[in-house]
N, C-alpha and C. Protein backbone atom coordinates (compact mmCIF):
# COMPACT_ATOMS: atom_id res chain seq x y z
N MET A 1 0.84 -1.18 0.00
CA MET A 1 0.00 0.00 0.00
C MET A 1 0.88 1.25 0.00
N ALA A 2 0.49 2.25 -0.75
CA ALA A 2 1.24 3.49 -0.80
C ALA A 2 1.20 4.20 0.54
N LEU A 3 2.19 5.07 0.77
CA LEU A 3 2.27 5.83 2.01
C LEU A 3 2.05 7.30 1.70
N ALA A 4 1.07 7.92 2.37
CA ALA A 4 0.80 9.34 2.16
C ALA A 4 2.03 10.16 2.54
N PRO A 5 2.35 11.20 1.78
CA PRO A 5 3.54 12.02 2.09
C PRO A 5 3.57 12.55 3.52
N LYS A 6 2.41 12.87 4.08
CA LYS A 6 2.40 13.42 5.44
C LYS A 6 2.79 12.39 6.49
N PHE A 7 2.78 11.11 6.11
CA PHE A 7 3.19 10.04 7.01
C PHE A 7 4.57 9.50 6.66
N ALA A 8 5.35 10.27 5.92
CA ALA A 8 6.65 9.80 5.42
C ALA A 8 7.59 9.36 6.54
N GLY A 9 7.43 9.94 7.73
CA GLY A 9 8.28 9.57 8.85
C GLY A 9 8.12 8.13 9.28
N GLN A 10 7.02 7.48 8.86
CA GLN A 10 6.81 6.09 9.22
C GLN A 10 7.70 5.15 8.40
N ARG A 11 8.31 5.67 7.36
CA ARG A 11 9.22 4.86 6.55
C ARG A 11 10.59 4.86 7.21
N LEU A 12 11.16 3.68 7.39
CA LEU A 12 12.45 3.57 8.07
C LEU A 12 13.53 4.36 7.37
N MET A 13 13.57 4.28 6.03
CA MET A 13 14.57 5.00 5.25
C MET A 13 13.89 5.67 4.07
N PRO A 14 14.47 6.76 3.56
CA PRO A 14 13.92 7.35 2.33
C PRO A 14 13.94 6.33 1.21
N THR A 15 12.96 6.42 0.33
CA THR A 15 12.88 5.46 -0.77
C THR A 15 14.10 5.58 -1.67
N ALA A 16 14.75 4.47 -1.89
CA ALA A 16 15.90 4.43 -2.79
C ALA A 16 15.43 4.02 -4.18
N ALA A 17 16.20 4.41 -5.18
CA ALA A 17 15.78 4.19 -6.57
C ALA A 17 15.59 2.72 -6.91
N HIS A 18 16.36 1.84 -6.25
CA HIS A 18 16.33 0.43 -6.66
C HIS A 18 15.64 -0.48 -5.64
N GLN A 19 14.92 0.12 -4.70
CA GLN A 19 14.20 -0.73 -3.75
C GLN A 19 13.13 -1.54 -4.48
N GLN A 20 13.05 -2.82 -4.12
CA GLN A 20 12.09 -3.70 -4.80
C GLN A 20 11.02 -4.24 -3.86
N HIS A 21 11.30 -4.28 -2.60
CA HIS A 21 10.38 -4.92 -1.64
C HIS A 21 9.88 -3.93 -0.60
N THR A 22 8.68 -4.21 -0.08
CA THR A 22 8.10 -3.38 0.97
C THR A 22 7.64 -4.26 2.11
N LEU A 23 8.11 -3.94 3.32
CA LEU A 23 7.70 -4.62 4.54
C LEU A 23 6.90 -3.63 5.38
N GLU A 24 5.63 -3.95 5.65
CA GLU A 24 4.77 -3.09 6.44
C GLU A 24 4.46 -3.78 7.76
N ILE A 25 4.72 -3.07 8.86
CA ILE A 25 4.53 -3.65 10.19
C ILE A 25 3.46 -2.86 10.92
N TYR A 26 2.33 -3.50 11.17
CA TYR A 26 1.20 -2.87 11.86
C TYR A 26 1.35 -3.09 13.36
N LEU A 27 1.49 -1.98 14.10
CA LEU A 27 1.78 -2.06 15.52
C LEU A 27 0.88 -1.13 16.33
N ASP A 28 0.57 -1.56 17.55
CA ASP A 28 -0.20 -0.75 18.49
C ASP A 28 0.71 -0.45 19.68
N TYR A 29 0.80 0.82 20.04
CA TYR A 29 1.73 1.23 21.09
C TYR A 29 1.43 0.65 22.47
N VAL A 30 0.22 0.21 22.73
CA VAL A 30 -0.08 -0.36 24.03
C VAL A 30 -0.34 -1.86 23.97
N CYS A 31 0.11 -2.48 22.89
CA CYS A 31 0.02 -3.94 22.74
C CYS A 31 1.36 -4.56 23.14
N PRO A 32 1.40 -5.42 24.15
CA PRO A 32 2.67 -6.04 24.57
C PRO A 32 3.37 -6.81 23.46
N PHE A 33 2.58 -7.44 22.60
CA PHE A 33 3.18 -8.22 21.51
C PHE A 33 3.79 -7.30 20.45
N SER A 34 3.16 -6.14 20.24
CA SER A 34 3.74 -5.15 19.34
C SER A 34 5.08 -4.67 19.88
N ALA A 35 5.12 -4.43 21.18
CA ALA A 35 6.37 -3.96 21.80
C ALA A 35 7.46 -5.00 21.63
N LYS A 36 7.12 -6.24 21.82
CA LYS A 36 8.10 -7.32 21.70
C LYS A 36 8.68 -7.38 20.30
N LEU A 37 7.81 -7.33 19.28
CA LEU A 37 8.28 -7.36 17.90
C LEU A 37 9.12 -6.13 17.60
N PHE A 38 8.61 -4.95 17.98
CA PHE A 38 9.31 -3.71 17.65
C PHE A 38 10.70 -3.68 18.26
N LYS A 39 10.81 -4.04 19.52
CA LYS A 39 12.10 -3.94 20.19
C LYS A 39 13.16 -4.82 19.53
N THR A 40 12.78 -6.04 19.15
CA THR A 40 13.74 -6.90 18.46
C THR A 40 14.06 -6.36 17.08
N PHE A 41 13.02 -5.91 16.37
CA PHE A 41 13.25 -5.34 15.04
C PHE A 41 14.16 -4.12 15.12
N TYR A 42 13.87 -3.23 16.04
CA TYR A 42 14.60 -1.96 16.12
C TYR A 42 16.06 -2.19 16.50
N ALA A 43 16.28 -3.12 17.43
CA ALA A 43 17.64 -3.37 17.92
C ALA A 43 18.45 -4.25 16.98
N ALA A 44 17.80 -5.25 16.37
CA ALA A 44 18.55 -6.24 15.61
C ALA A 44 18.36 -6.16 14.10
N ALA A 45 17.11 -6.04 13.64
CA ALA A 45 16.86 -6.06 12.20
C ALA A 45 17.15 -4.73 11.53
N ARG A 46 16.81 -3.64 12.20
CA ARG A 46 17.00 -2.31 11.60
C ARG A 46 18.45 -2.05 11.18
N PRO A 47 19.43 -2.34 12.04
CA PRO A 47 20.82 -2.11 11.61
C PRO A 47 21.23 -2.94 10.40
N ILE A 48 20.71 -4.16 10.33
CA ILE A 48 21.03 -5.02 9.17
C ILE A 48 20.43 -4.45 7.91
N ILE A 49 19.19 -3.99 8.01
CA ILE A 49 18.50 -3.44 6.83
C ILE A 49 19.21 -2.18 6.34
N THR A 50 19.54 -1.29 7.26
CA THR A 50 20.17 -0.03 6.85
C THR A 50 21.57 -0.26 6.29
N GLU A 51 22.20 -1.34 6.70
CA GLU A 51 23.56 -1.62 6.22
C GLU A 51 23.58 -2.44 4.93
N ARG A 52 22.73 -3.46 4.86
CA ARG A 52 22.83 -4.42 3.75
C ARG A 52 21.71 -4.31 2.71
N TYR A 53 20.53 -3.85 3.14
CA TYR A 53 19.37 -3.95 2.26
C TYR A 53 18.70 -2.62 1.96
N LYS A 54 19.36 -1.52 2.21
CA LYS A 54 18.69 -0.23 2.08
C LYS A 54 18.26 0.09 0.65
N THR A 55 18.86 -0.56 -0.34
CA THR A 55 18.42 -0.36 -1.72
C THR A 55 17.50 -1.47 -2.19
N ARG A 56 17.21 -2.42 -1.31
CA ARG A 56 16.37 -3.56 -1.70
C ARG A 56 15.04 -3.62 -0.97
N LEU A 57 14.97 -2.96 0.19
CA LEU A 57 13.79 -3.12 1.05
C LEU A 57 13.44 -1.81 1.73
N GLN A 58 12.17 -1.44 1.65
CA GLN A 58 11.68 -0.32 2.45
C GLN A 58 10.77 -0.89 3.54
N VAL A 59 10.86 -0.29 4.72
CA VAL A 59 10.07 -0.74 5.87
C VAL A 59 9.16 0.40 6.30
N ILE A 60 7.89 0.10 6.49
CA ILE A 60 6.92 1.11 6.90
C ILE A 60 6.26 0.67 8.20
N PHE A 61 6.32 1.54 9.19
CA PHE A 61 5.63 1.35 10.46
C PHE A 61 4.20 1.84 10.25
N ARG A 62 3.24 0.94 10.32
CA ARG A 62 1.83 1.31 10.20
C ARG A 62 1.20 1.39 11.58
N GLN A 63 0.72 2.56 11.95
CA GLN A 63 0.09 2.74 13.24
C GLN A 63 -1.29 2.09 13.24
N HIS A 64 -1.50 1.16 14.16
CA HIS A 64 -2.73 0.37 14.18
C HIS A 64 -3.39 0.46 15.55
N ILE A 65 -4.45 1.25 15.63
CA ILE A 65 -5.17 1.46 16.88
C ILE A 65 -6.10 0.27 17.16
N GLN A 66 -5.99 -0.28 18.37
CA GLN A 66 -6.88 -1.36 18.80
C GLN A 66 -7.79 -0.80 19.89
N PRO A 67 -9.08 -0.62 19.57
CA PRO A 67 -9.97 0.12 20.48
C PRO A 67 -10.26 -0.57 21.81
N TRP A 68 -9.94 -1.87 21.94
CA TRP A 68 -10.14 -2.50 23.24
C TRP A 68 -9.06 -2.05 24.24
N HIS A 69 -8.04 -1.35 23.74
CA HIS A 69 -7.10 -0.63 24.60
C HIS A 69 -7.48 0.86 24.50
N PRO A 70 -8.26 1.39 25.43
CA PRO A 70 -8.77 2.76 25.30
C PRO A 70 -7.68 3.82 25.10
N SER A 71 -6.51 3.61 25.70
CA SER A 71 -5.45 4.61 25.56
C SER A 71 -4.69 4.48 24.25
N SER A 72 -5.01 3.45 23.47
CA SER A 72 -4.32 3.26 22.19
C SER A 72 -4.46 4.50 21.31
N THR A 73 -5.66 5.02 21.22
CA THR A 73 -5.88 6.21 20.38
C THR A 73 -4.99 7.36 20.83
N LEU A 74 -4.89 7.58 22.13
CA LEU A 74 -4.11 8.71 22.64
C LEU A 74 -2.63 8.55 22.31
N THR A 75 -2.11 7.34 22.47
CA THR A 75 -0.69 7.13 22.18
C THR A 75 -0.41 7.32 20.69
N HIS A 76 -1.32 6.84 19.85
CA HIS A 76 -1.11 7.00 18.41
C HIS A 76 -1.30 8.45 17.98
N GLU A 77 -2.15 9.18 18.68
CA GLU A 77 -2.26 10.61 18.39
C GLU A 77 -0.94 11.32 18.68
N SER A 78 -0.28 10.91 19.75
CA SER A 78 1.00 11.55 20.07
C SER A 78 2.03 11.28 18.98
N ALA A 79 2.04 10.07 18.44
CA ALA A 79 2.96 9.76 17.35
C ALA A 79 2.59 10.51 16.08
N ALA A 80 1.28 10.71 15.86
CA ALA A 80 0.84 11.50 14.72
C ALA A 80 1.33 12.94 14.85
N ALA A 81 1.35 13.44 16.07
CA ALA A 81 1.87 14.80 16.31
C ALA A 81 3.36 14.86 15.98
N ILE A 82 4.10 13.83 16.36
CA ILE A 82 5.53 13.77 16.05
C ILE A 82 5.74 13.78 14.53
N LEU A 83 4.90 13.06 13.81
CA LEU A 83 5.00 13.02 12.35
C LEU A 83 4.82 14.41 11.74
N LYS A 84 3.98 15.22 12.35
CA LYS A 84 3.76 16.57 11.85
C LYS A 84 4.93 17.51 12.18
N ILE A 85 5.44 17.38 13.39
CA ILE A 85 6.44 18.32 13.88
C ILE A 85 7.86 17.93 13.49
N ALA A 86 8.19 16.67 13.69
CA ALA A 86 9.57 16.20 13.47
C ALA A 86 9.54 14.76 12.96
N PRO A 87 9.16 14.54 11.70
CA PRO A 87 9.03 13.18 11.19
C PRO A 87 10.29 12.34 11.29
N ASP A 88 11.44 12.99 11.31
CA ASP A 88 12.70 12.26 11.45
C ASP A 88 12.87 11.67 12.85
N LYS A 89 12.03 12.08 13.79
CA LYS A 89 12.09 11.57 15.15
C LYS A 89 11.06 10.45 15.41
N PHE A 90 10.29 10.11 14.38
CA PHE A 90 9.18 9.17 14.60
C PHE A 90 9.65 7.83 15.15
N TRP A 91 10.67 7.23 14.55
CA TRP A 91 11.12 5.92 14.99
C TRP A 91 11.74 5.98 16.38
N GLU A 92 12.51 7.03 16.64
CA GLU A 92 13.11 7.19 17.96
C GLU A 92 12.03 7.39 19.02
N PHE A 93 11.02 8.20 18.68
CA PHE A 93 9.90 8.40 19.61
C PHE A 93 9.16 7.09 19.85
N SER A 94 8.94 6.33 18.79
CA SER A 94 8.24 5.04 18.92
C SER A 94 9.01 4.10 19.84
N ALA A 95 10.33 4.08 19.68
CA ALA A 95 11.16 3.22 20.54
C ALA A 95 11.01 3.65 22.01
N ALA A 96 11.04 4.95 22.26
CA ALA A 96 10.90 5.45 23.62
C ALA A 96 9.52 5.15 24.20
N LEU A 97 8.49 5.29 23.36
CA LEU A 97 7.13 5.03 23.82
C LEU A 97 6.93 3.54 24.12
N PHE A 98 7.47 2.68 23.29
CA PHE A 98 7.35 1.24 23.57
C PHE A 98 8.08 0.87 24.86
N GLU A 99 9.18 1.53 25.17
CA GLU A 99 9.89 1.25 26.41
C GLU A 99 9.03 1.61 27.62
N GLN A 100 8.16 2.59 27.46
CA GLN A 100 7.33 3.06 28.57
C GLN A 100 5.86 2.67 28.41
N GLN A 101 5.58 1.72 27.55
CA GLN A 101 4.18 1.46 27.20
C GLN A 101 3.31 1.09 28.39
N GLN A 102 3.87 0.41 29.40
CA GLN A 102 3.05 0.02 30.53
C GLN A 102 2.49 1.22 31.28
N GLU A 103 3.15 2.37 31.17
CA GLU A 103 2.65 3.58 31.81
C GLU A 103 1.32 4.04 31.20
N PHE A 104 0.96 3.45 30.06
CA PHE A 104 -0.28 3.84 29.38
C PHE A 104 -1.27 2.68 29.28
N PHE A 105 -1.03 1.64 30.08
CA PHE A 105 -1.99 0.55 30.20
C PHE A 105 -3.19 1.04 31.02
N ASP A 106 -4.29 0.30 30.96
CA ASP A 106 -5.56 0.72 31.55
C ASP A 106 -5.43 1.25 32.98
N VAL A 107 -4.78 0.47 33.84
CA VAL A 107 -4.71 0.83 35.26
C VAL A 107 -3.97 2.15 35.46
N ASN A 108 -3.05 2.45 34.57
CA ASN A 108 -2.22 3.65 34.74
C ASN A 108 -2.79 4.90 34.07
N VAL A 109 -3.93 4.79 33.41
CA VAL A 109 -4.55 5.98 32.82
C VAL A 109 -5.97 6.21 33.32
N VAL A 110 -6.54 5.25 34.02
CA VAL A 110 -7.96 5.30 34.34
C VAL A 110 -8.34 6.49 35.21
N ASN A 111 -7.42 6.97 36.03
CA ASN A 111 -7.76 8.06 36.95
C ASN A 111 -7.23 9.42 36.53
N GLU A 112 -6.83 9.55 35.25
CA GLU A 112 -6.37 10.85 34.79
C GLU A 112 -7.21 11.30 33.59
N THR A 113 -7.21 12.60 33.35
CA THR A 113 -7.96 13.12 32.21
C THR A 113 -7.20 12.84 30.92
N ARG A 114 -7.90 12.99 29.83
CA ARG A 114 -7.29 12.80 28.52
C ARG A 114 -6.11 13.74 28.32
N ASN A 115 -6.28 15.00 28.68
CA ASN A 115 -5.20 15.97 28.50
C ASN A 115 -4.00 15.68 29.41
N GLN A 116 -4.24 15.07 30.55
CA GLN A 116 -3.13 14.68 31.42
C GLN A 116 -2.32 13.55 30.78
N THR A 117 -3.01 12.64 30.12
CA THR A 117 -2.30 11.58 29.41
C THR A 117 -1.47 12.17 28.28
N TYR A 118 -2.06 13.11 27.54
CA TYR A 118 -1.31 13.79 26.49
C TYR A 118 -0.04 14.44 27.04
N ASP A 119 -0.15 15.02 28.22
CA ASP A 119 1.01 15.70 28.80
C ASP A 119 2.14 14.71 29.05
N ARG A 120 1.80 13.54 29.56
CA ARG A 120 2.83 12.53 29.81
C ARG A 120 3.43 12.02 28.50
N LEU A 121 2.61 11.89 27.48
CA LEU A 121 3.11 11.47 26.18
C LEU A 121 4.02 12.54 25.58
N ALA A 122 3.65 13.80 25.76
CA ALA A 122 4.47 14.89 25.26
C ALA A 122 5.83 14.93 25.95
N ASN A 123 5.87 14.49 27.21
CA ASN A 123 7.15 14.42 27.91
C ASN A 123 8.11 13.44 27.22
N ILE A 124 7.56 12.35 26.70
CA ILE A 124 8.39 11.39 25.98
C ILE A 124 8.93 12.03 24.71
N GLY A 125 8.07 12.77 24.03
CA GLY A 125 8.52 13.49 22.85
C GLY A 125 9.64 14.46 23.16
N GLN A 126 9.49 15.16 24.27
CA GLN A 126 10.52 16.12 24.67
C GLN A 126 11.85 15.42 24.93
N ARG A 127 11.79 14.21 25.49
CA ARG A 127 13.02 13.50 25.81
C ARG A 127 13.77 13.05 24.55
N VAL A 128 13.07 12.95 23.42
CA VAL A 128 13.77 12.59 22.18
C VAL A 128 14.04 13.81 21.31
N GLY A 129 13.83 14.99 21.89
CA GLY A 129 14.23 16.21 21.20
C GLY A 129 13.14 16.97 20.46
N VAL A 130 11.87 16.68 20.77
CA VAL A 130 10.76 17.39 20.13
C VAL A 130 10.12 18.33 21.16
N ASP A 131 9.85 19.54 20.76
CA ASP A 131 9.32 20.55 21.67
C ASP A 131 7.98 20.11 22.26
N LYS A 132 7.91 20.04 23.57
CA LYS A 132 6.70 19.58 24.25
C LYS A 132 5.51 20.48 23.96
N ASN A 133 5.73 21.78 23.98
CA ASN A 133 4.63 22.70 23.75
C ASN A 133 4.04 22.55 22.35
N GLU A 134 4.89 22.28 21.38
CA GLU A 134 4.40 22.07 20.02
C GLU A 134 3.56 20.80 19.93
N ILE A 135 3.97 19.78 20.64
CA ILE A 135 3.19 18.53 20.67
C ILE A 135 1.82 18.79 21.29
N LEU A 136 1.81 19.48 22.41
CA LEU A 136 0.55 19.73 23.11
C LEU A 136 -0.39 20.64 22.32
N LYS A 137 0.16 21.52 21.50
CA LYS A 137 -0.69 22.34 20.65
C LYS A 137 -1.52 21.49 19.70
N LEU A 138 -0.97 20.37 19.30
CA LEU A 138 -1.68 19.49 18.37
C LEU A 138 -2.62 18.52 19.08
N LEU A 139 -2.33 18.22 20.34
CA LEU A 139 -3.07 17.16 21.03
C LEU A 139 -4.16 17.66 21.98
N THR A 140 -3.92 18.76 22.65
CA THR A 140 -4.82 19.18 23.74
C THR A 140 -6.25 19.42 23.25
N ILE A 141 -7.18 18.89 24.02
CA ILE A 141 -8.61 19.07 23.72
C ILE A 141 -9.14 20.26 24.52
N ALA A 142 -9.81 21.17 23.84
CA ALA A 142 -10.38 22.33 24.51
C ALA A 142 -11.44 21.90 25.51
N SER A 143 -11.52 22.60 26.61
CA SER A 143 -12.49 22.26 27.66
C SER A 143 -13.77 23.07 27.55
N GLU A 144 -13.88 23.87 26.50
CA GLU A 144 -15.06 24.69 26.30
C GLU A 144 -15.64 24.49 24.90
N ILE A 145 -16.90 24.80 24.74
CA ILE A 145 -17.54 24.72 23.43
C ILE A 145 -16.86 25.69 22.48
N ASP A 146 -16.61 25.26 21.23
CA ASP A 146 -15.93 26.16 20.29
C ASP A 146 -16.90 27.21 19.75
N GLU A 147 -16.38 28.08 18.88
CA GLU A 147 -17.18 29.21 18.39
C GLU A 147 -18.40 28.78 17.58
N ASN A 148 -18.38 27.52 17.10
CA ASN A 148 -19.52 27.01 16.34
C ASN A 148 -20.48 26.19 17.19
N GLY A 149 -20.21 26.18 18.49
CA GLY A 149 -21.10 25.44 19.39
C GLY A 149 -20.87 23.95 19.38
N GLN A 150 -19.72 23.52 18.88
CA GLN A 150 -19.42 22.10 18.79
C GLN A 150 -18.80 21.57 20.08
N LEU A 151 -19.18 20.37 20.44
CA LEU A 151 -18.62 19.71 21.62
C LEU A 151 -17.62 18.61 21.22
N ASN A 152 -17.85 17.97 20.09
CA ASN A 152 -17.01 16.87 19.64
C ASN A 152 -15.94 17.40 18.69
N THR A 153 -15.03 18.19 19.23
CA THR A 153 -14.12 18.96 18.37
C THR A 153 -12.88 18.21 17.94
N GLY A 154 -12.50 17.17 18.67
CA GLY A 154 -11.26 16.48 18.33
C GLY A 154 -10.06 17.38 18.56
N ASN A 155 -8.92 16.99 17.95
CA ASN A 155 -7.73 17.83 18.04
C ASN A 155 -7.11 17.97 16.65
N LYS A 156 -5.90 18.46 16.60
CA LYS A 156 -5.30 18.78 15.31
C LYS A 156 -4.65 17.59 14.62
N VAL A 157 -4.80 16.39 15.19
CA VAL A 157 -4.34 15.18 14.49
C VAL A 157 -5.49 14.21 14.25
N THR A 158 -6.71 14.62 14.57
CA THR A 158 -7.86 13.72 14.40
C THR A 158 -7.99 13.22 12.97
N ASN A 159 -7.83 14.09 11.99
CA ASN A 159 -7.97 13.66 10.60
C ASN A 159 -6.87 12.68 10.20
N ASP A 160 -5.68 12.84 10.76
CA ASP A 160 -4.60 11.90 10.47
C ASP A 160 -4.92 10.53 11.05
N ILE A 161 -5.49 10.51 12.25
CA ILE A 161 -5.87 9.24 12.88
C ILE A 161 -6.94 8.54 12.05
N LYS A 162 -7.89 9.31 11.53
CA LYS A 162 -8.93 8.72 10.68
C LYS A 162 -8.30 8.04 9.47
N ALA A 163 -7.31 8.69 8.86
CA ALA A 163 -6.65 8.13 7.68
C ALA A 163 -5.92 6.84 8.03
N MET A 164 -5.28 6.81 9.19
CA MET A 164 -4.56 5.60 9.61
C MET A 164 -5.52 4.44 9.86
N VAL A 165 -6.64 4.73 10.51
CA VAL A 165 -7.63 3.68 10.78
C VAL A 165 -8.19 3.13 9.48
N LYS A 166 -8.50 4.01 8.55
CA LYS A 166 -9.02 3.57 7.24
C LYS A 166 -8.01 2.69 6.52
N ALA A 167 -6.73 3.04 6.61
CA ALA A 167 -5.68 2.27 5.94
C ALA A 167 -5.63 0.84 6.47
N SER A 168 -5.78 0.67 7.78
CA SER A 168 -5.79 -0.68 8.36
C SER A 168 -7.03 -1.45 7.91
N ARG A 169 -8.16 -0.78 7.88
CA ARG A 169 -9.41 -1.45 7.51
C ARG A 169 -9.40 -1.89 6.05
N VAL A 170 -8.78 -1.10 5.20
CA VAL A 170 -8.76 -1.43 3.77
C VAL A 170 -8.11 -2.79 3.52
N VAL A 171 -7.05 -3.08 4.28
CA VAL A 171 -6.35 -4.35 4.07
C VAL A 171 -6.79 -5.43 5.06
N GLY A 172 -7.75 -5.10 5.91
CA GLY A 172 -8.33 -6.10 6.80
C GLY A 172 -7.47 -6.47 7.99
N VAL A 173 -6.61 -5.56 8.45
CA VAL A 173 -5.81 -5.84 9.64
C VAL A 173 -6.70 -5.76 10.87
N HIS A 174 -6.65 -6.80 11.70
CA HIS A 174 -7.48 -6.84 12.90
C HIS A 174 -6.64 -6.66 14.16
N VAL A 175 -5.62 -7.49 14.33
CA VAL A 175 -4.82 -7.45 15.55
C VAL A 175 -3.39 -7.03 15.24
N SER A 176 -2.70 -6.67 16.28
CA SER A 176 -1.28 -6.33 16.13
C SER A 176 -0.46 -7.31 16.97
N PRO A 177 0.78 -7.56 16.54
CA PRO A 177 1.36 -7.08 15.28
C PRO A 177 0.88 -7.91 14.10
N THR A 178 0.73 -7.26 12.97
CA THR A 178 0.47 -7.91 11.69
C THR A 178 1.49 -7.37 10.70
N VAL A 179 2.05 -8.27 9.91
CA VAL A 179 3.10 -7.87 8.97
C VAL A 179 2.66 -8.19 7.55
N TYR A 180 2.88 -7.24 6.65
CA TYR A 180 2.63 -7.45 5.23
C TYR A 180 3.96 -7.32 4.48
N PHE A 181 4.17 -8.23 3.53
CA PHE A 181 5.37 -8.18 2.69
C PHE A 181 4.92 -8.10 1.24
N ASN A 182 5.28 -7.01 0.60
CA ASN A 182 4.87 -6.76 -0.80
C ASN A 182 3.36 -6.89 -0.99
N GLY A 183 2.62 -6.35 0.00
CA GLY A 183 1.17 -6.29 -0.10
C GLY A 183 0.43 -7.53 0.32
N VAL A 184 1.16 -8.58 0.77
CA VAL A 184 0.52 -9.83 1.18
C VAL A 184 0.90 -10.11 2.63
N GLU A 185 -0.09 -10.55 3.43
CA GLU A 185 0.21 -10.82 4.83
C GLU A 185 1.30 -11.87 4.95
N GLU A 186 2.25 -11.61 5.85
CA GLU A 186 3.38 -12.50 6.09
C GLU A 186 3.23 -13.12 7.48
N PRO A 187 2.51 -14.25 7.59
CA PRO A 187 2.26 -14.85 8.90
C PRO A 187 3.50 -15.46 9.54
N GLY A 188 4.56 -15.62 8.75
CA GLY A 188 5.78 -16.22 9.28
C GLY A 188 6.52 -15.33 10.25
N ILE A 189 6.24 -14.01 10.20
CA ILE A 189 6.89 -13.08 11.12
C ILE A 189 5.96 -12.82 12.29
N SER A 190 6.45 -13.08 13.49
CA SER A 190 5.62 -12.91 14.67
C SER A 190 6.37 -12.13 15.74
N SER A 191 5.68 -11.88 16.83
CA SER A 191 6.29 -11.13 17.93
C SER A 191 7.43 -11.91 18.58
N SER A 192 7.45 -13.21 18.38
CA SER A 192 8.50 -14.03 18.98
C SER A 192 9.75 -14.14 18.12
N PHE A 193 9.74 -13.48 16.97
CA PHE A 193 10.91 -13.51 16.08
C PHE A 193 12.16 -13.06 16.84
N THR A 194 13.21 -13.86 16.74
CA THR A 194 14.49 -13.51 17.36
C THR A 194 15.35 -12.74 16.38
N ALA A 195 16.45 -12.21 16.88
CA ALA A 195 17.40 -11.50 16.02
C ALA A 195 17.90 -12.41 14.91
N THR A 196 18.18 -13.66 15.25
CA THR A 196 18.66 -14.62 14.25
C THR A 196 17.61 -14.90 13.19
N GLN A 197 16.36 -15.03 13.62
CA GLN A 197 15.28 -15.28 12.67
C GLN A 197 15.09 -14.09 11.73
N TRP A 198 15.22 -12.88 12.26
CA TRP A 198 15.13 -11.71 11.40
C TRP A 198 16.24 -11.73 10.35
N GLU A 199 17.43 -12.04 10.78
CA GLU A 199 18.56 -12.06 9.84
C GLU A 199 18.35 -13.11 8.76
N GLN A 200 17.85 -14.27 9.15
CA GLN A 200 17.59 -15.33 8.18
C GLN A 200 16.47 -14.94 7.22
N TRP A 201 15.41 -14.35 7.77
CA TRP A 201 14.28 -13.96 6.91
C TRP A 201 14.71 -12.91 5.90
N LEU A 202 15.48 -11.96 6.32
CA LEU A 202 15.96 -10.92 5.42
C LEU A 202 16.85 -11.48 4.33
N ALA A 203 17.71 -12.41 4.70
CA ALA A 203 18.61 -13.01 3.72
C ALA A 203 17.84 -13.79 2.66
N GLU A 204 16.71 -14.35 3.06
CA GLU A 204 15.92 -15.17 2.12
C GLU A 204 14.94 -14.34 1.29
N ASN A 205 14.52 -13.19 1.83
CA ASN A 205 13.44 -12.45 1.17
C ASN A 205 13.83 -11.09 0.61
N ALA A 206 14.78 -10.41 1.19
CA ALA A 206 15.14 -9.07 0.75
C ALA A 206 16.25 -9.13 -0.31
N VAL A 207 15.98 -9.91 -1.33
CA VAL A 207 16.98 -10.12 -2.40
C VAL A 207 16.40 -9.77 -3.76
C-alpha cells in the first residue's frame, strides 16, 4: 500500500531508486506483543537493513489502533503529532514510547484526564528532542464549546488518525502485530521472532 507524504516519517529510510520490496509492520503502542516485535526489530533487524538492504527493502511502520485498549488512540495521536512536527524523530519516539508502554496501560490511565495523558506522552517526545509545547498544541482538547457550538471537536491530528484507521481497515488488519510483505500478509513473522530469525528472513526475502 502506498504511504501518504504526510506520514513519510513512518518509513524507516527514504525510498531508494532500486528498492524492490516493501515490509509493512502494523503495531499498536499499548500492545505487549507489538512492543516485543518492535524492540527486536529496532535493535537487531534495523541495523542489518540499513547496512545491507537499504536499496532492496523499504520498511513502513503502520500505526494500528486497537480500540479495546482505550489509551491506544491517545498514544497514536502523540505519534501523529511527532509526524507533523519532526518526522525524522518518529522511529526514535516510537522506541521510547514502547519502552514506557506500561505507563499507558488501563490501570495507569484510568484516573487521569485525557489531557493529562497527552502531557505525559508529550514528555516522551521532549526526551527525544521534540518541543513539548508544540506537541501539546496538536493534542490538547479544549475544555469549552468552540465558536460554532461544537462539543465533539477532536484535536489537530484527528484527521490523520482517521486516515490511519481507514488504511488498516482497507487491508483487513485486525490485531497487532500484523506484517505485510509486498502487499501480502506474512504470517511467518511474529512477535516471537528472534534477532537470528530476522537475519535469516531478510537473507531469504530481501533479495
